[in-house]
Amino acid sequence: MINHREKQMEKKKTSESEKGKSLVGTKKQNLIVPLRGRKFQGTVTRKFEGRVTIEFERTKFIQKYERYIKTKTKMHARLPEKLKNEIAIGDYIQIQECRPLSKILHHVVINKIRDGDKK
């Protein structure tokens, strides 16, 4: 017979292990990569086989002039197999930080927010 306290401990262990883990599978390594850190949203500018490049604007403070300047930032992100057919150039997507996957890949695509403007 399982003790009531043992049941609670088992529930606690499972809830702690599942807590805060958004997992996305990667194509190259067939691993599940735990996500952590910052989230970014931007427009897809280039699409490669296993990754995408996104671009977004941000404001940067120039201390000497006490003013802000608009700058564009480019980031590379791993494109999971399940999102490969959904995402195209010009789409607005969301990426999240993960462990370093390669020299330039430190983010993974989470979802597509909206389609790009079609002309």
C-alpha atoms as a PDB file:
ATOM      1  CA  MET A   1       0.000   0.000   0.000  1.00  0.00           C
ATOM      2  CA  ILE A   2       1.357   3.401  -0.999  1.00  0.00           C
ATOM      3  CA  ASN A   3       1.559   5.949   1.729  1.00  0.00           C
ATOM      4  CA  HIS A   4      -0.257   9.285   1.247  1.00  0.00           C
ATOM      5  CA  ARG A   5       3.008  11.182   1.749  1.00  0.00           C
ATOM      6  CA  GLU A   6       4.741   9.126  -0.972  1.00  0.00           C
ATOM      7  CA  LYS A   7       1.960  10.009  -3.431  1.00  0.00           C
ATOM      8  CA  GLN A   8       2.419  13.698  -2.700  1.00  0.00           C
ATOM      9  CA  MET A   9       6.185  13.418  -3.210  1.00  0.00           C
ATOM     10  CA  GLU A  10       5.680  11.706  -6.582  1.00  0.00           C
ATOM     11  CA  LYS A  11       3.265  14.432  -7.695  1.00  0.00           C
ATOM     12  CA  LYS A  12       5.690  17.111  -6.547  1.00  0.00           C
ATOM     13  CA  LYS A  13       8.592  15.559  -8.489  1.00  0.00           C
ATOM     14  CA  THR A  14       6.608  15.271 -11.714  1.00  0.00           C
ATOM     15  CA  SER A  15       5.217  18.795 -11.451  1.00  0.00           C
ATOM     16  CA  GLU A  16       8.690  20.247 -10.817  1.00  0.00           C
ATOM     17  CA  SER A  17      10.177  18.437 -13.797  1.00  0.00           C
ATOM     18  CA  GLU A  18       7.362  19.555 -16.139  1.00  0.00           C
ATOM     19  CA  LYS A  19       7.286  23.120 -14.815  1.00  0.00           C
ATOM     20  CA  GLY A  20       8.617  25.757 -17.229  1.00  0.00           C
ATOM     21  CA  LYS A  21       9.789  23.441 -19.996  1.00  0.00           C
ATOM     22  CA  SER A  22       8.728  24.487 -23.469  1.00  0.00           C
ATOM     23  CA  LEU A  23      10.328  21.918 -25.694  1.00  0.00           C
ATOM     24  CA  VAL A  24      10.965  22.151 -29.406  1.00  0.00           C
ATOM     25  CA  GLY A  25      12.583  19.353 -31.421  1.00  0.00           C
ATOM     26  CA  THR A  26      15.470  20.247 -33.708  1.00  0.00           C
ATOM     27  CA  LYS A  27      16.067  18.762 -37.145  1.00  0.00           C
ATOM     28  CA  LYS A  28      19.821  18.411 -37.066  1.00  0.00           C
ATOM     29  CA  GLN A  29      20.275  16.698 -33.713  1.00  0.00           C
ATOM     30  CA  ASN A  30      16.928  14.939 -33.119  1.00  0.00           C
ATOM     31  CA  LEU A  31      17.111  16.279 -29.578  1.00  0.00           C
ATOM     32  CA  ILE A  32      14.618  18.174 -27.519  1.00  0.00           C
ATOM     33  CA  VAL A  33      16.031  21.587 -26.680  1.00  0.00           C
ATOM     34  CA  PRO A  34      14.862  23.237 -23.454  1.00  0.00           C
ATOM     35  CA  LEU A  35      14.000  26.899 -24.004  1.00  0.00           C
ATOM     36  CA  ARG A  36      14.925  29.699 -21.632  1.00  0.00           C
ATOM     37  CA  GLY A  37      15.678  33.383 -21.680  1.00  0.00           C
ATOM     38  CA  ARG A  38      14.372  36.146 -23.911  1.00  0.00           C
ATOM     39  CA  LYS A  39      11.741  36.081 -26.636  1.00  0.00           C
ATOM     40  CA  PHE A  40      11.942  38.159 -29.800  1.00  0.00           C
ATOM     41  CA  GLN A  41       9.516  38.892 -32.621  1.00  0.00           C
ATOM     42  CA  GLY A  42      10.532  39.874 -36.117  1.00  0.00           C
ATOM     43  CA  THR A  43      10.133  39.524 -39.859  1.00  0.00           C
ATOM     44  CA  VAL A  44      11.772  36.640 -41.724  1.00  0.00           C
ATOM     45  CA  THR A  45      14.317  38.081 -44.164  1.00  0.00           C
ATOM     46  CA  ARG A  46      16.049  34.875 -45.316  1.00  0.00           C
ATOM     47  CA  LYS A  47      15.185  31.198 -45.101  1.00  0.00           C
ATOM     48  CA  PHE A  48      17.751  28.405 -45.225  1.00  0.00           C
ATOM     49  CA  GLU A  49      17.385  24.642 -44.880  1.00  0.00           C
ATOM     50  CA  GLY A  50      17.486  24.457 -41.090  1.00  0.00           C
ATOM     51  CA  ARG A  51      17.369  28.086 -40.025  1.00  0.00           C
ATOM     52  CA  VAL A  52      15.883  31.500 -40.679  1.00  0.00           C
ATOM     53  CA  THR A  53      17.118  35.057 -40.295  1.00  0.00           C
ATOM     54  CA  ILE A  54      14.787  37.573 -38.690  1.00  0.00           C
ATOM     55  CA  GLU A  55      15.060  41.334 -38.503  1.00  0.00           C
ATOM     56  CA  PHE A  56      13.415  43.745 -36.084  1.00  0.00           C
ATOM     57  CA  GLU A  57      13.752  47.382 -35.041  1.00  0.00           C
ATOM     58  CA  ARG A  58      14.736  48.540 -31.585  1.00  0.00           C
ATOM     59  CA  THR A  59      15.621  51.845 -29.983  1.00  0.00           C
ATOM     60  CA  LYS A  60      19.105  52.413 -28.628  1.00  0.00           C
ATOM     61  CA  PHE A  61      19.962  55.211 -26.183  1.00  0.00           C
ATOM     62  CA  ILE A  62      22.931  57.432 -27.120  1.00  0.00           C
ATOM     63  CA  GLN A  63      24.224  58.764 -23.815  1.00  0.00           C
ATOM     64  CA  LYS A  64      26.304  61.632 -25.235  1.00  0.00           C
ATOM     65  CA  TYR A  65      23.329  63.245 -26.971  1.00  0.00           C
ATOM     66  CA  GLU A  66      20.667  61.984 -24.544  1.00  0.00           C
ATOM     67  CA  ARG A  67      18.596  60.813 -27.491  1.00  0.00           C
ATOM     68  CA  TYR A  68      17.340  57.539 -28.915  1.00  0.00           C
ATOM     69  CA  ILE A  69      18.198  56.086 -32.302  1.00  0.00           C
ATOM     70  CA  LYS A  70      16.377  53.384 -34.247  1.00  0.00           C
ATOM     71  CA  THR A  71      18.521  50.399 -35.171  1.00  0.00           C
ATOM     72  CA  LYS A  72      17.792  47.126 -36.925  1.00  0.00           C
ATOM     73  CA  THR A  73      18.904  43.850 -35.392  1.00  0.00           C
ATOM     74  CA  LYS A  74      19.325  40.571 -37.270  1.00  0.00           C
ATOM     75  CA  MET A  75      19.208  37.179 -35.553  1.00  0.00           C
ATOM     76  CA  HIS A  76      19.451  33.595 -36.732  1.00  0.00           C
ATOM     77  CA  ALA A  77      17.134  30.917 -35.358  1.00  0.00           C
ATOM     78  CA  ARG A  78      16.757  27.158 -35.776  1.00  0.00           C
ATOM     79  CA  LEU A  79      13.727  26.235 -37.876  1.00  0.00           C
ATOM     80  CA  PRO A  80      12.072  23.064 -36.495  1.00  0.00           C
ATOM     81  CA  GLU A  81      10.911  20.379 -38.921  1.00  0.00           C
ATOM     82  CA  LYS A  82       7.234  20.836 -38.017  1.00  0.00           C
ATOM     83  CA  LEU A  83       7.295  24.587 -38.869  1.00  0.00           C
ATOM     84  CA  LYS A  84       9.389  24.256 -42.027  1.00  0.00           C
ATOM     85  CA  ASN A  85       6.472  24.330 -44.486  1.00  0.00           C
ATOM     86  CA  GLU A  86       4.472  26.988 -42.608  1.00  0.00           C
ATOM     87  CA  ILE A  87       7.067  29.767 -42.514  1.00  0.00           C
ATOM     88  CA  ALA A  88       7.971  31.837 -45.584  1.00  0.00           C
ATOM     89  CA  ILE A  89       9.979  34.999 -46.213  1.00  0.00           C
ATOM     90  CA  GLY A  90       8.104  38.063 -44.942  1.00  0.00           C
ATOM     91  CA  ASP A  91       6.208  36.267 -42.152  1.00  0.00           C
ATOM     92  CA  TYR A  92       6.153  37.728 -38.642  1.00  0.00           C
ATOM     93  CA  ILE A  93       7.415  35.061 -36.202  1.00  0.00           C
ATOM     94  CA  GLN A  94       8.438  34.621 -32.570  1.00  0.00           C
ATOM     95  CA  ILE A  95      11.751  33.088 -31.462  1.00  0.00           C
ATOM     96  CA  GLN A  96      13.072  32.187 -28.017  1.00  0.00           C
ATOM     97  CA  GLU A  97      16.557  31.774 -26.623  1.00  0.00           C
ATOM     98  CA  CYS A  98      18.009  28.324 -25.957  1.00  0.00           C
ATOM     99  CA  ARG A  99      21.435  26.797 -25.427  1.00  0.00           C
ATOM    100  CA  PRO A 100      23.985  27.432 -28.209  1.00  0.00           C
ATOM    101  CA  LEU A 101      23.218  25.085 -31.103  1.00  0.00           C
ATOM    102  CA  SER A 102      26.120  26.290 -33.269  1.00  0.00           C
ATOM    103  CA  LYS A 103      28.375  29.305 -33.693  1.00  0.00           C
ATOM    104  CA  ILE A 104      25.522  31.649 -34.670  1.00  0.00           C
ATOM    105  CA  LEU A 105      22.396  29.748 -33.592  1.00  0.00           C
ATOM    106  CA  HIS A 106      21.215  30.538 -30.072  1.00  0.00           C
ATOM    107  CA  HIS A 107      17.458  30.763 -30.725  1.00  0.00           C
ATOM    108  CA  VAL A 108      14.624  28.489 -31.880  1.00  0.00           C
ATOM    109  CA  VAL A 109      11.469  29.459 -33.803  1.00  0.00           C
ATOM    110  CA  ILE A 110       8.432  28.979 -31.544  1.00  0.00           C
ATOM    111  CA  ASN A 111       5.472  30.023 -33.670  1.00  0.00           C
ATOM    112  CA  LYS A 112       4.221  32.104 -36.562  1.00  0.00           C
ATOM    113  CA  ILE A 113       2.283  35.208 -35.511  1.00  0.00           C
ATOM    114  CA  ARG A 114       0.996  36.354 -38.915  1.00  0.00           C
ATOM    115  CA  ASP A 115       1.601  36.026 -42.641  1.00  0.00           C
ATOM    116  CA  GLY A 116       3.766  38.500 -44.489  1.00  0.00           C
ATOM    117  CA  ASP A 117       2.436  41.194 -46.806  1.00  0.00           C
ATOM    118  CA  LYS A 118       1.847  39.746 -50.254  1.00  0.00           C
ATOM    119  CA  LYS A 119       2.265  42.139 -53.185  1.00  0.00           C
END
